Amino acid sequence: MAKKDEKATTEKKAAPVEVPKTPPAVKPKGELHTRLARVLAKIERIPKDGRNDFHGYDYVKEDTLTEQIRPMLAEEGISLIFAAEEIVLEDNCIAHVRCTFTLGCDVGEPVVTTVWGAGRDADRNNNRGDKAVYKAMTGAMKYFLYKTFMVSTGDDVENDTAPPGDQGLRMTPGQLKELEKFNRHAALNEEVKKYIERALADGASQAAAARIIAEAKKQIQAFQAKQKAELDADAEVERTEEEQAPPTKVEPAGEIDEDDIPF
C-alpha cells in the first residue's frame, strides 16, 4: 500500500516551469565621437528654471542640466568621470578649482577636458565661508556641459542689449578689487554701500558689478569735485582778505652799535 501511494505521488509531480529568456540588451555602436554626436542630436533647448533675485537674472539649475544629459550618456554607454585636480584659495574668500572631465566608452580613446571654476563664499562681514570650493566645482561642471554638448539657454554673453545679469558671468578679479577698495567709502550713499557689501558677501555678475562700480565712481567723483570747490573757495577768501588787509608798517630798529651786542 505504501509503495502504491509513493508511485502516485511521483506521477503527480509538477513539470519544471520554463523561465523566459531576457533578450540581450542592445549594445551601443560606434566609437566615442559617434556616440557623442547622437547625444548632441537629442539635446534640446533647456529652459531656465532658477532665479537669482539679488542680481535679477534667470539661470538653468545644475540638477536640470545633469538630469537631461545623464540618461543620454548612459543610453550610449558613455561614462563621465569628474576630478578636482588643483585648488587655489585667495584671501578674499575666492576659490579657483582646476577640474578635469573624462568622457569614455568601451571603444576608442577617452576625451579629457580641463575647466577652471571660480567660486566665492563669505558672510556679510566678509569672513570666509566653506562653500567656495563647491561653488567653483559646480560652475566648472555646468559650463563643461554647456559647451561640450552645445546646450542652448537663449543667452548671448556678447549681447550688450541683454538685461544686466543675463550674461551670467561672475565678476572679474579686477571688479572684486574695485569693490573692496570702494567698500565703506565716505563719499558713497547708504544704498551703494549696501549693494557693495552684498556683492562682496554673496557675489555678483559682471554686469551687476559694473553698474555698482560705475555708480560708486560717479559718487566719488562728485564728492571729490565738491571738496575741491570748497578748498578753492576757502583759498579765494584767504587771498581776498590778504589783498584787502592794510600793509603792516615795520619801524626801523636802527643801526646796531657795539654796545648792543651781549657777547
C-alpha atoms as a PDB file:
ATOM      1  CA  MET A   1       0.000   0.000   0.000  1.00  0.00           C
ATOM      2  CA  ALA A   2       2.815   2.386   0.891  1.00  0.00           C
ATOM      3  CA  LYS A   3       4.578   1.650  -2.413  1.00  0.00           C
ATOM      4  CA  LYS A   4       1.402   2.395  -4.357  1.00  0.00           C
ATOM      5  CA  ASP A   5       0.954   5.788  -2.652  1.00  0.00           C
ATOM      6  CA  GLU A   6       4.610   6.679  -3.319  1.00  0.00           C
ATOM      7  CA  LYS A   7       4.153   5.861  -7.005  1.00  0.00           C
ATOM      8  CA  ALA A   8       1.034   8.041  -7.225  1.00  0.00           C
ATOM      9  CA  THR A   9       2.863  10.965  -5.615  1.00  0.00           C
ATOM     10  CA  THR A  10       5.699  10.610  -8.099  1.00  0.00           C
ATOM     11  CA  GLU A  11       3.308  10.633 -11.024  1.00  0.00           C
ATOM     12  CA  LYS A  12       1.619  13.868  -9.826  1.00  0.00           C
ATOM     13  CA  LYS A  13       4.924  15.836  -9.600  1.00  0.00           C
ATOM     14  CA  ALA A  14       4.638  19.157 -11.484  1.00  0.00           C
ATOM     15  CA  ALA A  15       6.699  19.673 -14.594  1.00  0.00           C
ATOM     16  CA  PRO A  16       9.501  22.286 -14.342  1.00  0.00           C
ATOM     17  CA  VAL A  17       8.467  25.848 -15.253  1.00  0.00           C
ATOM     18  CA  GLU A  18      10.368  27.316 -18.158  1.00  0.00           C
ATOM     19  CA  VAL A  19      11.719  30.811 -17.402  1.00  0.00           C
ATOM     20  CA  PRO A  20      11.559  33.077 -20.462  1.00  0.00           C
ATOM     21  CA  LYS A  21      14.952  34.290 -21.540  1.00  0.00           C
ATOM     22  CA  THR A  22      15.654  38.025 -21.249  1.00  0.00           C
ATOM     23  CA  PRO A  23      16.530  39.429 -24.646  1.00  0.00           C
ATOM     24  CA  PRO A  24      20.086  40.721 -24.738  1.00  0.00           C
ATOM     25  CA  ALA A  25      20.492  44.466 -24.321  1.00  0.00           C
ATOM     26  CA  VAL A  26      21.188  46.398 -27.452  1.00  0.00           C
ATOM     27  CA  LYS A  27      24.805  47.468 -27.257  1.00  0.00           C
ATOM     28  CA  PRO A  28      25.549  50.997 -28.478  1.00  0.00           C
ATOM     29  CA  LYS A  29      27.559  51.041 -31.665  1.00  0.00           C
ATOM     30  CA  GLY A  30      30.366  53.260 -32.796  1.00  0.00           C
ATOM     31  CA  GLU A  31      33.344  54.974 -31.239  1.00  0.00           C
ATOM     32  CA  LEU A  32      33.112  57.746 -28.682  1.00  0.00           C
ATOM     33  CA  HIS A  33      32.706  60.648 -31.113  1.00  0.00           C
ATOM     34  CA  THR A  34      29.923  58.831 -32.961  1.00  0.00           C
ATOM     35  CA  ARG A  35      28.043  58.249 -29.724  1.00  0.00           C
ATOM     36  CA  LEU A  36      28.545  61.842 -28.590  1.00  0.00           C
ATOM     37  CA  ALA A  37      27.131  63.005 -31.922  1.00  0.00           C
ATOM     38  CA  ARG A  38      23.958  61.038 -31.222  1.00  0.00           C
ATOM     39  CA  VAL A  39      23.702  62.681 -27.790  1.00  0.00           C
ATOM     40  CA  LEU A  40      24.066  66.124 -29.379  1.00  0.00           C
ATOM     41  CA  ALA A  41      21.236  65.307 -31.774  1.00  0.00           C
ATOM     42  CA  LYS A  42      18.891  64.534 -28.864  1.00  0.00           C
ATOM     43  CA  ILE A  43      19.573  67.584 -26.693  1.00  0.00           C
ATOM     44  CA  GLU A  44      17.004  70.350 -26.915  1.00  0.00           C
ATOM     45  CA  ARG A  45      16.999  73.869 -25.541  1.00  0.00           C
ATOM     46  CA  ILE A  46      16.840  73.807 -21.738  1.00  0.00           C
ATOM     47  CA  PRO A  47      14.550  76.436 -20.142  1.00  0.00           C
ATOM     48  CA  LYS A  48      15.825  78.474 -17.225  1.00  0.00           C
ATOM     49  CA  ASP A  49      14.206  77.235 -14.033  1.00  0.00           C
ATOM     50  CA  GLY A  50      16.234  79.123 -11.415  1.00  0.00           C
ATOM     51  CA  ARG A  51      16.062  82.770 -10.359  1.00  0.00           C
ATOM     52  CA  ASN A  52      18.664  84.997  -8.673  1.00  0.00           C
ATOM     53  CA  ASP A  53      16.557  87.757  -7.118  1.00  0.00           C
ATOM     54  CA  PHE A  54      19.543  89.761  -5.871  1.00  0.00           C
ATOM     55  CA  HIS A  55      21.181  90.167  -9.282  1.00  0.00           C
ATOM     56  CA  GLY A  56      17.918  89.912 -11.191  1.00  0.00           C
ATOM     57  CA  TYR A  57      18.556  87.123 -13.687  1.00  0.00           C
ATOM     58  CA  ASP A  58      17.303  83.635 -14.509  1.00  0.00           C
ATOM     59  CA  TYR A  59      19.542  80.585 -14.883  1.00  0.00           C
ATOM     60  CA  VAL A  60      19.483  76.843 -15.503  1.00  0.00           C
ATOM     61  CA  LYS A  61      19.919  74.782 -12.351  1.00  0.00           C
ATOM     62  CA  GLU A  62      22.711  72.209 -12.313  1.00  0.00           C
ATOM     63  CA  ASP A  63      20.231  69.424 -11.476  1.00  0.00           C
ATOM     64  CA  THR A  64      18.124  70.284 -14.513  1.00  0.00           C
ATOM     65  CA  LEU A  65      21.179  70.164 -16.758  1.00  0.00           C
ATOM     66  CA  THR A  66      22.560  66.867 -15.449  1.00  0.00           C
ATOM     67  CA  GLU A  67      19.174  65.146 -15.322  1.00  0.00           C
ATOM     68  CA  GLN A  68      18.670  65.754 -19.034  1.00  0.00           C
ATOM     69  CA  ILE A  69      22.173  64.768 -20.182  1.00  0.00           C
ATOM     70  CA  ARG A  70      22.935  61.842 -17.843  1.00  0.00           C
ATOM     71  CA  PRO A  71      20.319  59.402 -19.266  1.00  0.00           C
ATOM     72  CA  MET A  72      21.504  60.146 -22.809  1.00  0.00           C
ATOM     73  CA  LEU A  73      25.104  59.347 -21.880  1.00  0.00           C
ATOM     74  CA  ALA A  74      24.037  56.141 -20.124  1.00  0.00           C
ATOM     75  CA  GLU A  75      21.966  55.068 -23.134  1.00  0.00           C
ATOM     76  CA  GLU A  76      25.020  55.459 -25.366  1.00  0.00           C
ATOM     77  CA  GLY A  77      27.308  53.665 -22.914  1.00  0.00           C
ATOM     78  CA  ILE A  78      29.359  56.801 -22.248  1.00  0.00           C
ATOM     79  CA  SER A  79      30.920  57.361 -18.839  1.00  0.00           C
ATOM     80  CA  LEU A  80      31.740  60.802 -17.371  1.00  0.00           C
ATOM     81  CA  ILE A  81      34.374  60.985 -14.635  1.00  0.00           C
ATOM     82  CA  PHE A  82      34.961  64.208 -12.690  1.00  0.00           C
ATOM     83  CA  ALA A  83      38.123  65.074 -10.753  1.00  0.00           C
ATOM     84  CA  ALA A  84      39.260  68.193  -8.905  1.00  0.00           C
ATOM     85  CA  GLU A  85      42.966  68.385  -9.763  1.00  0.00           C
ATOM     86  CA  GLU A  86      44.026  71.670  -8.164  1.00  0.00           C
ATOM     87  CA  ILE A  87      42.521  74.126  -5.646  1.00  0.00           C
ATOM     88  CA  VAL A  88      43.808  77.684  -5.214  1.00  0.00           C
ATOM     89  CA  LEU A  89      42.393  79.791  -2.364  1.00  0.00           C
ATOM     90  CA  GLU A  90      42.585  83.580  -2.209  1.00  0.00           C
ATOM     91  CA  ASP A  91      42.406  85.799   0.875  1.00  0.00           C
ATOM     92  CA  ASN A  92      39.220  87.427  -0.387  1.00  0.00           C
ATOM     93  CA  CYS A  93      37.211  84.205   0.020  1.00  0.00           C
ATOM     94  CA  ILE A  94      37.547  83.088  -3.609  1.00  0.00           C
ATOM     95  CA  ALA A  95      38.408  79.534  -4.632  1.00  0.00           C
ATOM     96  CA  HIS A  96      39.760  78.546  -8.056  1.00  0.00           C
ATOM     97  CA  VAL A  97      39.470  74.847  -8.876  1.00  0.00           C
ATOM     98  CA  ARG A  98      41.042  73.112 -11.875  1.00  0.00           C
ATOM     99  CA  CYS A  99      38.675  70.302 -12.834  1.00  0.00           C
ATOM    100  CA  THR A 100      39.064  67.503 -15.380  1.00  0.00           C
ATOM    101  CA  PHE A 101      36.175  65.761 -17.118  1.00  0.00           C
ATOM    102  CA  THR A 102      36.838  62.430 -18.816  1.00  0.00           C
ATOM    103  CA  LEU A 103      34.353  61.088 -21.369  1.00  0.00           C
ATOM    104  CA  GLY A 104      34.891  57.478 -22.422  1.00  0.00           C
ATOM    105  CA  CYS A 105      33.320  54.278 -23.679  1.00  0.00           C
ATOM    106  CA  ASP A 106      34.409  50.709 -24.431  1.00  0.00           C
ATOM    107  CA  VAL A 107      35.692  51.670 -27.886  1.00  0.00           C
ATOM    108  CA  GLY A 108      38.439  54.132 -28.703  1.00  0.00           C
ATOM    109  CA  GLU A 109      40.375  56.590 -26.572  1.00  0.00           C
ATOM    110  CA  PRO A 110      38.714  58.762 -23.875  1.00  0.00           C
ATOM    111  CA  VAL A 111      38.449  62.524 -24.196  1.00  0.00           C
ATOM    112  CA  VAL A 112      39.801  64.594 -21.288  1.00  0.00           C
ATOM    113  CA  THR A 113      38.814  68.252 -20.848  1.00  0.00           C
ATOM    114  CA  THR A 114      40.173  70.720 -18.290  1.00  0.00           C
ATOM    115  CA  VAL A 115      37.963  73.517 -16.959  1.00  0.00           C
ATOM    116  CA  TRP A 116      38.758  76.109 -14.291  1.00  0.00           C
ATOM    117  CA  GLY A 117      35.910  77.090 -11.995  1.00  0.00           C
ATOM    118  CA  ALA A 118      35.761  80.012  -9.561  1.00  0.00           C
ATOM    119  CA  GLY A 119      33.528  80.430  -6.528  1.00  0.00           C
ATOM    120  CA  ARG A 120      33.209  82.895  -3.667  1.00  0.00           C
ATOM    121  CA  ASP A 121      31.661  82.375  -0.262  1.00  0.00           C
ATOM    122  CA  ALA A 122      31.658  84.880   2.587  1.00  0.00           C
ATOM    123  CA  ASP A 123      29.239  86.260   5.133  1.00  0.00           C
ATOM    124  CA  ARG A 124      28.157  89.902   5.308  1.00  0.00           C
ATOM    125  CA  ASN A 125      31.236  90.705   7.412  1.00  0.00           C
ATOM    126  CA  ASN A 126      33.428  89.331   4.610  1.00  0.00           C
ATOM    127  CA  ASN A 127      34.503  86.313   6.663  1.00  0.00           C
ATOM    128  CA  ARG A 128      35.436  83.245   4.632  1.00  0.00           C
ATOM    129  CA  GLY A 129      32.714  80.623   4.232  1.00  0.00           C
ATOM    130  CA  ASP A 130      33.073  76.905   3.493  1.00  0.00           C
ATOM    131  CA  LYS A 131      31.282  76.647   0.132  1.00  0.00           C
ATOM    132  CA  ALA A 132      33.620  78.497  -2.241  1.00  0.00           C
ATOM    133  CA  VAL A 133      35.275  75.291  -3.483  1.00  0.00           C
ATOM    134  CA  TYR A 134      31.924  73.597  -4.092  1.00  0.00           C
ATOM    135  CA  LYS A 135      30.596  76.638  -5.956  1.00  0.00           C
ATOM    136  CA  ALA A 136      33.704  76.584  -8.144  1.00  0.00           C
ATOM    137  CA  MET A 137      33.242  72.883  -8.954  1.00  0.00           C
ATOM    138  CA  THR A 138      29.549  73.402  -9.709  1.00  0.00           C
ATOM    139  CA  GLY A 139      30.362  76.253 -12.070  1.00  0.00           C
ATOM    140  CA  ALA A 140      33.006  74.182 -13.843  1.00  0.00           C
ATOM    141  CA  MET A 141      30.595  71.258 -14.256  1.00  0.00           C
ATOM    142  CA  LYS A 142      27.809  73.450 -15.654  1.00  0.00           C
ATOM    143  CA  TYR A 143      29.978  75.195 -18.218  1.00  0.00           C
ATOM    144  CA  PHE A 144      31.650  71.939 -19.259  1.00  0.00           C
ATOM    145  CA  LEU A 145      28.209  70.501 -20.024  1.00  0.00           C
ATOM    146  CA  TYR A 146      27.058  73.741 -21.684  1.00  0.00           C
ATOM    147  CA  LYS A 147      29.982  73.922 -24.086  1.00  0.00           C
ATOM    148  CA  THR A 148      30.636  70.224 -24.691  1.00  0.00           C
ATOM    149  CA  PHE A 149      27.029  69.434 -25.565  1.00  0.00           C
ATOM    150  CA  MET A 150      26.251  72.862 -27.055  1.00  0.00           C
ATOM    151  CA  VAL A 151      23.299  73.410 -24.730  1.00  0.00           C
ATOM    152  CA  SER A 152      21.177  76.409 -25.678  1.00  0.00           C
ATOM    153  CA  THR A 153      19.604  78.565 -22.944  1.00  0.00           C
ATOM    154  CA  GLY A 154      18.926  81.681 -25.009  1.00  0.00           C
ATOM    155  CA  ASP A 155      21.881  83.645 -23.584  1.00  0.00           C
ATOM    156  CA  ASP A 156      24.448  85.564 -25.580  1.00  0.00           C
ATOM    157  CA  VAL A 157      27.290  86.967 -23.494  1.00  0.00           C
ATOM    158  CA  GLU A 158      28.225  89.397 -26.297  1.00  0.00           C
ATOM    159  CA  ASN A 159      24.746  90.901 -26.458  1.00  0.00           C
ATOM    160  CA  ASP A 160      25.097  94.396 -24.989  1.00  0.00           C
ATOM    161  CA  THR A 161      21.328  94.877 -25.019  1.00  0.00           C
ATOM    162  CA  ALA A 162      20.670  91.916 -22.728  1.00  0.00           C
ATOM    163  CA  PRO A 163      19.359  92.868 -19.275  1.00  0.00           C
ATOM    164  CA  PRO A 164      22.109  93.164 -16.626  1.00  0.00           C
ATOM    165  CA  GLY A 165      22.874  89.780 -15.114  1.00  0.00           C
ATOM    166  CA  ASP A 166      21.528  87.745 -18.038  1.00  0.00           C
ATOM    167  CA  GLN A 167      25.083  87.175 -19.186  1.00  0.00           C
ATOM    168  CA  GLY A 168      25.573  85.072 -16.035  1.00  0.00           C
ATOM    169  CA  LEU A 169      29.348  85.595 -15.879  1.00  0.00           C
ATOM    170  CA  ARG A 170      30.843  86.100 -12.447  1.00  0.00           C
ATOM    171  CA  MET A 171      32.564  89.393 -11.716  1.00  0.00           C
ATOM    172  CA  THR A 172      36.241  89.542 -12.591  1.00  0.00           C
ATOM    173  CA  PRO A 173      39.082  89.723 -10.028  1.00  0.00           C
ATOM    174  CA  GLY A 174      39.602  93.346 -11.117  1.00  0.00           C
ATOM    175  CA  GLN A 175      35.977  94.195 -10.355  1.00  0.00           C
ATOM    176  CA  LEU A 176      36.268  92.480  -6.990  1.00  0.00           C
ATOM    177  CA  LYS A 177      39.316  94.596  -6.089  1.00  0.00           C
ATOM    178  CA  GLU A 178      37.494  97.794  -7.057  1.00  0.00           C
ATOM    179  CA  LEU A 179      34.505  96.870  -4.907  1.00  0.00           C
ATOM    180  CA  GLU A 180      36.801  96.121  -1.968  1.00  0.00           C
ATOM    181  CA  LYS A 181      38.507  99.496  -2.495  1.00  0.00           C
ATOM    182  CA  PHE A 182      35.162 101.332  -2.531  1.00  0.00           C
ATOM    183  CA  ASN A 183      33.696  99.420   0.424  1.00  0.00           C
ATOM    184  CA  ARG A 184      32.505 101.866   3.134  1.00  0.00           C
ATOM    185  CA  HIS A 185      33.941 104.867   1.249  1.00  0.00           C
ATOM    186  CA  ALA A 186      32.854 108.111   2.912  1.00  0.00           C
ATOM    187  CA  ALA A 187      31.658 109.547  -0.406  1.00  0.00           C
ATOM    188  CA  LEU A 188      29.054 106.840  -1.058  1.00  0.00           C
ATOM    189  CA  ASN A 189      25.441 106.936  -0.013  1.00  0.00           C
ATOM    190  CA  GLU A 190      23.921 104.131   2.028  1.00  0.00           C
ATOM    191  CA  GLU A 191      22.248 102.444  -0.957  1.00  0.00           C
ATOM    192  CA  VAL A 192      25.504 101.968  -2.879  1.00  0.00           C
ATOM    193  CA  LYS A 193      27.301 100.865   0.298  1.00  0.00           C
ATOM    194  CA  LYS A 194      24.595  98.235   0.815  1.00  0.00           C
ATOM    195  CA  TYR A 195      24.981  96.831  -2.701  1.00  0.00           C
ATOM    196  CA  ILE A 196      28.770  96.754  -2.417  1.00  0.00           C
ATOM    197  CA  GLU A 197      28.539  94.823   0.849  1.00  0.00           C
ATOM    198  CA  ARG A 198      26.064  92.362  -0.670  1.00  0.00           C
ATOM    199  CA  ALA A 199      28.209  91.874  -3.769  1.00  0.00           C
ATOM    200  CA  LEU A 200      31.257  91.158  -1.605  1.00  0.00           C
ATOM    201  CA  ALA A 201      29.301  88.771   0.591  1.00  0.00           C
ATOM    202  CA  ASP A 202      27.183  86.941  -1.980  1.00  0.00           C
ATOM    203  CA  GLY A 203      28.997  87.558  -5.275  1.00  0.00           C
ATOM    204  CA  ALA A 204      27.782  89.401  -8.359  1.00  0.00           C
ATOM    205  CA  SER A 205      27.618  89.016 -12.110  1.00  0.00           C
ATOM    206  CA  GLN A 206      29.974  91.076 -14.256  1.00  0.00           C
ATOM    207  CA  ALA A 207      27.083  93.252 -15.416  1.00  0.00           C
ATOM    208  CA  ALA A 208      25.843  93.892 -11.863  1.00  0.00           C
ATOM    209  CA  ALA A 209      29.362  94.622 -10.594  1.00  0.00           C
ATOM    210  CA  ALA A 210      29.944  97.037 -13.485  1.00  0.00           C
ATOM    211  CA  ARG A 211      26.803  99.005 -12.608  1.00  0.00           C
ATOM    212  CA  ILE A 212      27.706  99.193  -8.917  1.00  0.00           C
ATOM    213  CA  ILE A 213      31.288 100.284  -9.710  1.00  0.00           C
ATOM    214  CA  ALA A 214      30.100 102.916 -12.196  1.00  0.00           C
ATOM    215  CA  GLU A 215      27.712 104.434  -9.647  1.00  0.00           C
ATOM    216  CA  ALA A 216      30.377 104.337  -6.923  1.00  0.00           C
ATOM    217  CA  LYS A 217      32.885 106.136  -9.175  1.00  0.00           C
ATOM    218  CA  LYS A 218      30.248 108.722 -10.092  1.00  0.00           C
ATOM    219  CA  GLN A 219      29.516 109.483  -6.437  1.00  0.00           C
ATOM    220  CA  ILE A 220      33.212 109.575  -5.502  1.00  0.00           C
ATOM    221  CA  GLN A 221      33.993 111.970  -8.364  1.00  0.00           C
ATOM    222  CA  ALA A 222      31.130 114.233  -7.293  1.00  0.00           C
ATOM    223  CA  PHE A 223      32.390 114.117  -3.713  1.00  0.00           C
ATOM    224  CA  GLN A 224      35.946 114.977  -4.762  1.00  0.00           C
ATOM    225  CA  ALA A 225      34.724 117.785  -7.016  1.00  0.00           C
ATOM    226  CA  LYS A 226      32.735 119.247  -4.112  1.00  0.00           C
ATOM    227  CA  GLN A 227      35.761 119.017  -1.831  1.00  0.00           C
ATOM    228  CA  LYS A 228      37.942 120.766  -4.425  1.00  0.00           C
ATOM    229  CA  ALA A 229      35.363 123.521  -4.900  1.00  0.00           C
ATOM    230  CA  GLU A 230      35.238 124.097  -1.126  1.00  0.00           C
ATOM    231  CA  LEU A 231      39.048 124.222  -0.904  1.00  0.00           C
ATOM    232  CA  ASP A 232      39.216 126.623  -3.848  1.00  0.00           C
ATOM    233  CA  ALA A 233      36.573 128.843  -2.219  1.00  0.00           C
ATOM    234  CA  ASP A 234      38.494 128.891   1.087  1.00  0.00           C
ATOM    235  CA  ALA A 235      41.716 129.745  -0.743  1.00  0.00           C
ATOM    236  CA  GLU A 236      39.948 132.571  -2.610  1.00  0.00           C
ATOM    237  CA  VAL A 237      38.623 134.000   0.671  1.00  0.00           C
ATOM    238  CA  GLU A 238      42.116 133.952   2.200  1.00  0.00           C
ATOM    239  CA  ARG A 239      43.607 135.590  -0.886  1.00  0.00           C
ATOM    240  CA  THR A 240      40.953 138.335  -0.855  1.00  0.00           C
ATOM    241  CA  GLU A 241      41.475 139.001   2.837  1.00  0.00           C
ATOM    242  CA  GLU A 242      45.224 139.284   2.316  1.00  0.00           C
ATOM    243  CA  GLU A 243      44.743 141.728  -0.572  1.00  0.00           C
ATOM    244  CA  GLN A 244      42.309 143.923   1.387  1.00  0.00           C
ATOM    245  CA  ALA A 245      44.317 143.973   4.618  1.00  0.00           C
ATOM    246  CA  PRO A 246      46.381 147.193   5.192  1.00  0.00           C
ATOM    247  CA  PRO A 247      50.114 146.730   4.867  1.00  0.00           C
ATOM    248  CA  THR A 248      51.967 146.182   8.110  1.00  0.00           C
ATOM    249  CA  LYS A 249      54.254 149.106   8.996  1.00  0.00           C
ATOM    250  CA  VAL A 250      57.658 147.989  10.223  1.00  0.00           C
ATOM    251  CA  GLU A 251      59.564 150.548  12.327  1.00  0.00           C
ATOM    252  CA  PRO A 252      63.329 150.551  11.691  1.00  0.00           C
ATOM    253  CA  ALA A 253      65.276 149.366  14.732  1.00  0.00           C
ATOM    254  CA  GLY A 254      68.282 151.488  13.931  1.00  0.00           C
ATOM    255  CA  GLU A 255      71.868 150.731  13.328  1.00  0.00           C
ATOM    256  CA  ILE A 256      73.461 148.167  15.646  1.00  0.00           C
ATOM    257  CA  ASP A 257      76.024 149.603  18.000  1.00  0.00           C
ATOM    258  CA  GLU A 258      78.860 147.582  19.502  1.00  0.00           C
ATOM    259  CA  ASP A 259      77.417 148.120  22.988  1.00  0.00           C
ATOM    260  CA  ASP A 260      74.147 146.434  21.912  1.00  0.00           C
ATOM    261  CA  ILE A 261      75.875 143.113  21.394  1.00  0.00           C
ATOM    262  CA  PRO A 262      75.779 140.984  24.618  1.00  0.00           C
ATOM    263  CA  PHE A 263      78.615 138.661  23.658  1.00  0.00           C
END
